[in-house]
All heavy atoms as atom14 arrays in JSON, in Angstrom:
{
  "sequence": "RIPVIVAGGRILWVVGVRASGFARVTPSTRRVLRL",
  "atom14_mask": [
    [1, 1, 1, 1, 1, 1, 1, 1, 1, 1, 1, 0, 0, 0],
    [1, 1, 1, 1, 1, 1, 1, 1, 0, 0, 0, 0, 0, 0],
    [1, 1, 1, 1, 1, 1, 1, 0, 0, 0, 0, 0, 0, 0],
    [1, 1, 1, 1, 1, 1, 1, 0, 0, 0, 0, 0, 0, 0],
    [1, 1, 1, 1, 1, 1, 1, 1, 0, 0, 0, 0, 0, 0],
    [1, 1, 1, 1, 1, 1, 1, 0, 0, 0, 0, 0, 0, 0],
    [1, 1, 1, 1, 1, 0, 0, 0, 0, 0, 0, 0, 0, 0],
    [1, 1, 1, 1, 0, 0, 0, 0, 0, 0, 0, 0, 0, 0],
    [1, 1, 1, 1, 0, 0, 0, 0, 0, 0, 0, 0, 0, 0],
    [1, 1, 1, 1, 1, 1, 1, 1, 1, 1, 1, 0, 0, 0],
    [1, 1, 1, 1, 1, 1, 1, 1, 0, 0, 0, 0, 0, 0],
    [1, 1, 1, 1, 1, 1, 1, 1, 0, 0, 0, 0, 0, 0],
    [1, 1, 1, 1, 1, 1, 1, 1, 1, 1, 1, 1, 1, 1],
    [1, 1, 1, 1, 1, 1, 1, 0, 0, 0, 0, 0, 0, 0],
    [1, 1, 1, 1, 1, 1, 1, 0, 0, 0, 0, 0, 0, 0],
    [1, 1, 1, 1, 0, 0, 0, 0, 0, 0, 0, 0, 0, 0],
    [1, 1, 1, 1, 1, 1, 1, 0, 0, 0, 0, 0, 0, 0],
    [1, 1, 1, 1, 1, 1, 1, 1, 1, 1, 1, 0, 0, 0],
    [1, 1, 1, 1, 1, 0, 0, 0, 0, 0, 0, 0, 0, 0],
    [1, 1, 1, 1, 1, 1, 0, 0, 0, 0, 0, 0, 0, 0],
    [1, 1, 1, 1, 0, 0, 0, 0, 0, 0, 0, 0, 0, 0],
    [1, 1, 1, 1, 1, 1, 1, 1, 1, 1, 1, 0, 0, 0],
    [1, 1, 1, 1, 1, 0, 0, 0, 0, 0, 0, 0, 0, 0],
    [1, 1, 1, 1, 1, 1, 1, 1, 1, 1, 1, 0, 0, 0],
    [1, 1, 1, 1, 1, 1, 1, 0, 0, 0, 0, 0, 0, 0],
    [1, 1, 1, 1, 1, 1, 1, 0, 0, 0, 0, 0, 0, 0],
    [1, 1, 1, 1, 1, 1, 1, 0, 0, 0, 0, 0, 0, 0],
    [1, 1, 1, 1, 1, 1, 0, 0, 0, 0, 0, 0, 0, 0],
    [1, 1, 1, 1, 1, 1, 1, 0, 0, 0, 0, 0, 0, 0],
    [1, 1, 1, 1, 1, 1, 1, 1, 1, 1, 1, 0, 0, 0],
    [1, 1, 1, 1, 1, 1, 1, 1, 1, 1, 1, 0, 0, 0],
    [1, 1, 1, 1, 1, 1, 1, 0, 0, 0, 0, 0, 0, 0],
    [1, 1, 1, 1, 1, 1, 1, 1, 0, 0, 0, 0, 0, 0],
    [1, 1, 1, 1, 1, 1, 1, 1, 1, 1, 1, 0, 0, 0],
    [1, 1, 1, 1, 1, 1, 1, 1, 0, 0, 0, 0, 0, 0]
  ],
  "atom14_positions": [
    [[-11.45, 12.87, 18.64], [-11.97, 12.19, 17.5], [-11.7, 13.04, 16.26], [-11.95, 12.61, 15.16], [-13.46, 11.95, 17.65], [-14.01, 10.89, 16.73], [-15.51, 10.63, 17.07], [-15.66, 10.03, 18.34], [-15.49, 8.73, 18.61], [-15.21, 7.97, 17.64], [-15.65, 8.25, 19.78], [0.0, 0.0, 0.0], [0.0, 0.0, 0.0], [0.0, 0.0, 0.0]],
    [[-11.28, 14.29, 16.49], [-11.06, 15.2, 15.25], [-9.62, 15.01, 14.69], [-8.69, 15.23, 15.43], [-11.26, 16.68, 15.71], [-12.71, 16.86, 16.13], [-10.84, 17.6, 14.6], [-12.98, 18.31, 16.6], [0.0, 0.0, 0.0], [0.0, 0.0, 0.0], [0.0, 0.0, 0.0], [0.0, 0.0, 0.0], [0.0, 0.0, 0.0], [0.0, 0.0, 0.0]],
    [[-9.55, 14.57, 13.42], [-8.23, 14.34, 12.84], [-7.42, 15.67, 12.71], [-7.99, 16.69, 12.42], [-8.52, 13.7, 11.5], [-9.94, 13.32, 11.57], [-10.68, 14.28, 12.45], [0.0, 0.0, 0.0], [0.0, 0.0, 0.0], [0.0, 0.0, 0.0], [0.0, 0.0, 0.0], [0.0, 0.0, 0.0], [0.0, 0.0, 0.0], [0.0, 0.0, 0.0]],
    [[-6.08, 15.45, 12.74], [-5.17, 16.51, 12.52], [-4.31, 16.1, 11.31], [-3.75, 15.04, 11.28], [-4.22, 16.83, 13.8], [-3.27, 17.83, 13.35], [-5.1, 17.31, 15.02], [0.0, 0.0, 0.0], [0.0, 0.0, 0.0], [0.0, 0.0, 0.0], [0.0, 0.0, 0.0], [0.0, 0.0, 0.0], [0.0, 0.0, 0.0], [0.0, 0.0, 0.0]],
    [[-4.32, 16.96, 10.36], [-3.58, 16.66, 9.1], [-2.2, 17.36, 9.18], [-2.14, 18.64, 9.4], [-4.3, 17.14, 7.84], [-5.81, 16.64, 7.83], [-3.56, 16.75, 6.56], [-5.98, 15.2, 7.81], [0.0, 0.0, 0.0], [0.0, 0.0, 0.0], [0.0, 0.0, 0.0], [0.0, 0.0, 0.0], [0.0, 0.0, 0.0], [0.0, 0.0, 0.0]],
    [[-1.16, 16.5, 8.96], [0.25, 16.99, 9.22], [1.14, 16.74, 7.95], [0.95, 15.66, 7.43], [0.82, 16.28, 10.46], [2.21, 16.88, 10.69], [-0.1, 16.49, 11.62], [0.0, 0.0, 0.0], [0.0, 0.0, 0.0], [0.0, 0.0, 0.0], [0.0, 0.0, 0.0], [0.0, 0.0, 0.0], [0.0, 0.0, 0.0], [0.0, 0.0, 0.0]],
    [[1.91, 17.76, 7.59], [2.84, 17.57, 6.51], [4.18, 18.13, 6.9], [4.28, 19.28, 7.35], [2.36, 18.35, 5.29], [0.0, 0.0, 0.0], [0.0, 0.0, 0.0], [0.0, 0.0, 0.0], [0.0, 0.0, 0.0], [0.0, 0.0, 0.0], [0.0, 0.0, 0.0], [0.0, 0.0, 0.0], [0.0, 0.0, 0.0], [0.0, 0.0, 0.0]],
    [[5.19, 17.27, 6.85], [6.53, 17.71, 7.25], [6.65, 18.24, 8.62], [7.44, 19.22, 8.93], [0.0, 0.0, 0.0], [0.0, 0.0, 0.0], [0.0, 0.0, 0.0], [0.0, 0.0, 0.0], [0.0, 0.0, 0.0], [0.0, 0.0, 0.0], [0.0, 0.0, 0.0], [0.0, 0.0, 0.0], [0.0, 0.0, 0.0], [0.0, 0.0, 0.0]],
    [[5.93, 17.73, 9.54], [5.91, 18.09, 10.95], [5.09, 19.26, 11.25], [4.97, 19.78, 12.45], [0.0, 0.0, 0.0], [0.0, 0.0, 0.0], [0.0, 0.0, 0.0], [0.0, 0.0, 0.0], [0.0, 0.0, 0.0], [0.0, 0.0, 0.0], [0.0, 0.0, 0.0], [0.0, 0.0, 0.0], [0.0, 0.0, 0.0], [0.0, 0.0, 0.0]],
    [[4.45, 19.87, 10.16], [3.56, 21.08, 10.42], [2.11, 20.8, 10.21], [1.82, 20.02, 9.36], [4.06, 22.25, 9.49], [5.47, 22.59, 9.57], [5.86, 23.79, 8.71], [5.19, 25.03, 9.17], [5.53, 26.23, 8.77], [6.67, 26.35, 7.9], [4.98, 27.3, 9.21], [0.0, 0.0, 0.0], [0.0, 0.0, 0.0], [0.0, 0.0, 0.0]],
    [[1.31, 21.25, 11.13], [-0.12, 21.0, 11.08], [-0.7, 21.88, 9.93], [-0.73, 23.05, 9.97], [-0.77, 21.23, 12.45], [-0.3, 20.15, 13.45], [-2.24, 21.08, 12.25], [-0.83, 20.36, 14.86], [0.0, 0.0, 0.0], [0.0, 0.0, 0.0], [0.0, 0.0, 0.0], [0.0, 0.0, 0.0], [0.0, 0.0, 0.0], [0.0, 0.0, 0.0]],
    [[-1.38, 21.1, 8.97], [-2.03, 21.8, 7.92], [-3.5, 22.2, 8.21], [-3.93, 23.3, 7.83], [-1.97, 20.95, 6.6], [-0.81, 20.75, 5.85], [-1.04, 19.8, 4.64], [-0.26, 22.09, 5.38], [0.0, 0.0, 0.0], [0.0, 0.0, 0.0], [0.0, 0.0, 0.0], [0.0, 0.0, 0.0], [0.0, 0.0, 0.0], [0.0, 0.0, 0.0]],
    [[-4.1, 21.21, 8.89], [-5.56, 21.36, 9.0], [-6.04, 20.63, 10.25], [-5.74, 19.37, 10.44], [-6.29, 20.71, 7.81], [-7.73, 21.01, 7.64], [-8.48, 22.01, 8.23], [-8.62, 20.17, 6.85], [-9.81, 21.88, 7.84], [-9.91, 20.75, 7.06], [-8.53, 19.02, 6.12], [-11.03, 20.23, 6.39], [-9.56, 18.52, 5.51], [-10.83, 19.12, 5.66]],
    [[-6.75, 21.29, 11.17], [-7.6, 20.61, 12.11], [-8.91, 20.38, 11.51], [-9.69, 21.32, 11.41], [-7.61, 21.41, 13.42], [-8.39, 20.71, 14.53], [-6.2, 21.71, 14.03], [0.0, 0.0, 0.0], [0.0, 0.0, 0.0], [0.0, 0.0, 0.0], [0.0, 0.0, 0.0], [0.0, 0.0, 0.0], [0.0, 0.0, 0.0], [0.0, 0.0, 0.0]],
    [[-9.25, 19.22, 11.16], [-10.41, 18.87, 10.27], [-11.7, 19.46, 10.73], [-12.04, 19.1, 11.94], [-10.44, 17.36, 9.95], [-11.69, 17.07, 9.09], [-9.15, 16.84, 9.28], [0.0, 0.0, 0.0], [0.0, 0.0, 0.0], [0.0, 0.0, 0.0], [0.0, 0.0, 0.0], [0.0, 0.0, 0.0], [0.0, 0.0, 0.0], [0.0, 0.0, 0.0]],
    [[-12.32, 20.21, 9.95], [-13.61, 20.75, 10.33], [-13.54, 21.97, 11.35], [-14.6, 22.53, 11.68], [0.0, 0.0, 0.0], [0.0, 0.0, 0.0], [0.0, 0.0, 0.0], [0.0, 0.0, 0.0], [0.0, 0.0, 0.0], [0.0, 0.0, 0.0], [0.0, 0.0, 0.0], [0.0, 0.0, 0.0], [0.0, 0.0, 0.0], [0.0, 0.0, 0.0]],
    [[-12.28, 22.36, 11.72], [-12.23, 23.45, 12.68], [-11.47, 24.6, 12.12], [-11.93, 25.71, 12.01], [-11.48, 22.92, 14.02], [-11.34, 24.11, 15.01], [-12.26, 21.72, 14.57], [0.0, 0.0, 0.0], [0.0, 0.0, 0.0], [0.0, 0.0, 0.0], [0.0, 0.0, 0.0], [0.0, 0.0, 0.0], [0.0, 0.0, 0.0], [0.0, 0.0, 0.0]],
    [[-10.15, 24.42, 11.8], [-9.38, 25.55, 11.24], [-8.22, 24.99, 10.34], [-7.58, 24.04, 10.74], [-8.79, 26.38, 12.35], [-8.11, 27.64, 11.97], [-8.98, 28.71, 11.37], [-9.99, 29.17, 12.23], [-9.66, 30.22, 13.13], [-8.51, 30.91, 12.96], [-10.57, 30.6, 13.94], [0.0, 0.0, 0.0], [0.0, 0.0, 0.0], [0.0, 0.0, 0.0]],
    [[-7.94, 25.73, 9.25], [-6.76, 25.36, 8.34], [-5.65, 26.26, 8.75], [-5.82, 27.42, 9.3], [-7.19, 25.53, 6.89], [0.0, 0.0, 0.0], [0.0, 0.0, 0.0], [0.0, 0.0, 0.0], [0.0, 0.0, 0.0], [0.0, 0.0, 0.0], [0.0, 0.0, 0.0], [0.0, 0.0, 0.0], [0.0, 0.0, 0.0], [0.0, 0.0, 0.0]],
    [[-4.48, 25.85, 8.37], [-3.26, 26.53, 8.64], [-2.92, 27.58, 7.48], [-3.44, 27.4, 6.46], [-2.03, 25.64, 8.82], [-0.83, 26.29, 8.72], [0.0, 0.0, 0.0], [0.0, 0.0, 0.0], [0.0, 0.0, 0.0], [0.0, 0.0, 0.0], [0.0, 0.0, 0.0], [0.0, 0.0, 0.0], [0.0, 0.0, 0.0], [0.0, 0.0, 0.0]],
    [[-2.17, 28.54, 7.87], [-1.7, 29.52, 6.81], [-0.51, 29.05, 6.07], [-0.16, 29.6, 5.11], [0.0, 0.0, 0.0], [0.0, 0.0, 0.0], [0.0, 0.0, 0.0], [0.0, 0.0, 0.0], [0.0, 0.0, 0.0], [0.0, 0.0, 0.0], [0.0, 0.0, 0.0], [0.0, 0.0, 0.0], [0.0, 0.0, 0.0], [0.0, 0.0, 0.0]],
    [[0.11, 27.89, 6.56], [1.21, 27.31, 5.85], [0.75, 26.76, 4.58], [-0.28, 26.04, 4.58], [1.82, 26.23, 6.8], [2.9, 25.42, 6.12], [4.08, 25.97, 5.65], [2.66, 24.09, 5.85], [5.02, 25.2, 5.01], [3.6, 23.26, 5.25], [4.79, 23.83, 4.79], [0.0, 0.0, 0.0], [0.0, 0.0, 0.0], [0.0, 0.0, 0.0]],
    [[1.57, 26.95, 3.52], [1.22, 26.43, 2.22], [-0.07, 26.93, 1.66], [-0.8, 26.21, 0.9], [1.33, 24.85, 2.21], [0.0, 0.0, 0.0], [0.0, 0.0, 0.0], [0.0, 0.0, 0.0], [0.0, 0.0, 0.0], [0.0, 0.0, 0.0], [0.0, 0.0, 0.0], [0.0, 0.0, 0.0], [0.0, 0.0, 0.0], [0.0, 0.0, 0.0]],
    [[-0.49, 28.13, 2.07], [-1.75, 28.64, 1.56], [-1.69, 28.88, 0.06], [-0.63, 29.07, -0.54], [-2.1, 29.89, 2.2], [-1.22, 31.12, 1.98], [-1.67, 32.3, 2.72], [-0.91, 33.49, 2.37], [0.25, 33.81, 2.92], [0.77, 33.04, 3.85], [0.97, 34.9, 2.6], [0.0, 0.0, 0.0], [0.0, 0.0, 0.0], [0.0, 0.0, 0.0]],
    [[-2.85, 28.87, -0.62], [-2.99, 29.05, -2.11], [-2.78, 30.6, -2.34], [-3.48, 31.39, -1.71], [-4.33, 28.57, -2.57], [-4.46, 28.85, -4.06], [-4.36, 27.04, -2.38], [0.0, 0.0, 0.0], [0.0, 0.0, 0.0], [0.0, 0.0, 0.0], [0.0, 0.0, 0.0], [0.0, 0.0, 0.0], [0.0, 0.0, 0.0], [0.0, 0.0, 0.0]],
    [[-1.98, 30.9, -3.23], [-1.72, 32.21, -3.71], [-1.79, 32.38, -5.16], [-1.94, 31.36, -5.9], [-0.29, 32.69, -3.2], [0.69, 32.01, -4.01], [-0.13, 32.48, -1.8], [0.0, 0.0, 0.0], [0.0, 0.0, 0.0], [0.0, 0.0, 0.0], [0.0, 0.0, 0.0], [0.0, 0.0, 0.0], [0.0, 0.0, 0.0], [0.0, 0.0, 0.0]],
    [[-1.77, 33.62, -5.73], [-1.88, 33.75, -7.23], [-0.72, 33.02, -7.92], [-0.89, 32.76, -9.1], [-1.77, 35.28, -7.37], [-2.39, 35.8, -6.15], [-1.92, 34.94, -5.09], [0.0, 0.0, 0.0], [0.0, 0.0, 0.0], [0.0, 0.0, 0.0], [0.0, 0.0, 0.0], [0.0, 0.0, 0.0], [0.0, 0.0, 0.0], [0.0, 0.0, 0.0]],
    [[0.41, 32.77, -7.26], [1.55, 32.09, -7.88], [1.48, 30.59, -7.73], [2.4, 29.93, -8.27], [2.88, 32.63, -7.29], [2.89, 32.44, -6.0], [0.0, 0.0, 0.0], [0.0, 0.0, 0.0], [0.0, 0.0, 0.0], [0.0, 0.0, 0.0], [0.0, 0.0, 0.0], [0.0, 0.0, 0.0], [0.0, 0.0, 0.0], [0.0, 0.0, 0.0]],
    [[0.44, 30.07, -7.13], [0.33, 28.6, -6.92], [0.15, 28.02, -8.29], [-0.74, 28.4, -9.0], [-0.81, 28.25, -5.96], [-0.53, 28.8, -4.7], [-1.02, 26.73, -5.81], [0.0, 0.0, 0.0], [0.0, 0.0, 0.0], [0.0, 0.0, 0.0], [0.0, 0.0, 0.0], [0.0, 0.0, 0.0], [0.0, 0.0, 0.0], [0.0, 0.0, 0.0]],
    [[0.82, 26.88, -8.54], [0.69, 26.17, -9.84], [-0.14, 24.95, -9.65], [-1.07, 24.67, -10.49], [2.05, 25.73, -10.38], [2.97, 26.83, -10.75], [4.23, 26.28, -11.43], [5.06, 25.32, -10.57], [5.03, 24.07, -10.87], [4.27, 23.47, -11.84], [5.65, 23.21, -9.99], [0.0, 0.0, 0.0], [0.0, 0.0, 0.0], [0.0, 0.0, 0.0]],
    [[-0.04, 24.19, -8.56], [-0.79, 22.99, -8.26], [-1.47, 23.12, -6.91], [-0.82, 23.5, -5.96], [0.03, 21.76, -8.4], [0.59, 21.46, -9.8], [1.22, 20.07, -9.91], [2.41, 20.0, -9.08], [3.11, 18.86, -8.84], [2.68, 17.7, -9.35], [4.19, 18.88, -8.01], [0.0, 0.0, 0.0], [0.0, 0.0, 0.0], [0.0, 0.0, 0.0]],
    [[-2.72, 22.68, -6.8], [-3.5, 22.88, -5.64], [-3.93, 21.48, -5.07], [-4.18, 20.54, -5.83], [-4.82, 23.68, -5.97], [-5.64, 23.75, -4.72], [-4.44, 24.99, -6.48], [0.0, 0.0, 0.0], [0.0, 0.0, 0.0], [0.0, 0.0, 0.0], [0.0, 0.0, 0.0], [0.0, 0.0, 0.0], [0.0, 0.0, 0.0], [0.0, 0.0, 0.0]],
    [[-3.72, 21.37, -3.83], [-4.17, 20.11, -3.08], [-5.48, 20.59, -2.35], [-5.55, 21.45, -1.64], [-3.09, 19.68, -2.03], [-3.56, 18.69, -1.0], [-3.77, 17.37, -1.71], [-2.51, 18.52, 0.11], [0.0, 0.0, 0.0], [0.0, 0.0, 0.0], [0.0, 0.0, 0.0], [0.0, 0.0, 0.0], [0.0, 0.0, 0.0], [0.0, 0.0, 0.0]],
    [[-6.45, 19.74, -2.71], [-7.8, 19.89, -2.04], [-8.04, 18.72, -1.15], [-7.94, 17.61, -1.59], [-8.9, 20.09, -2.99], [-10.27, 20.08, -2.39], [-11.41, 20.17, -3.4], [-12.7, 20.03, -2.75], [-13.32, 18.88, -2.51], [-12.81, 17.77, -2.88], [-14.51, 18.89, -1.94], [0.0, 0.0, 0.0], [0.0, 0.0, 0.0], [0.0, 0.0, 0.0]],
    [[-8.37, 19.0, 0.1], [-8.65, 17.95, 1.05], [-10.09, 18.17, 1.5], [-10.51, 19.29, 1.72], [-7.75, 18.04, 2.31], [-6.24, 17.88, 2.04], [-5.5, 18.03, 3.39], [-5.93, 16.53, 1.49], [0.0, 0.0, 0.0], [0.0, 0.0, 0.0], [0.0, 0.0, 0.0], [0.0, 0.0, 0.0], [0.0, 0.0, 0.0], [0.0, 0.0, 0.0]]
  ]
}
């Protein structure tokens, strides 16, 4: 029942459990996606 969020074949977030280190926000990030 727990959704898995996927972008480009890579898992971004197991909702409510753990986020991926892929595409993490860094000091050089210009635009942020908040889920």
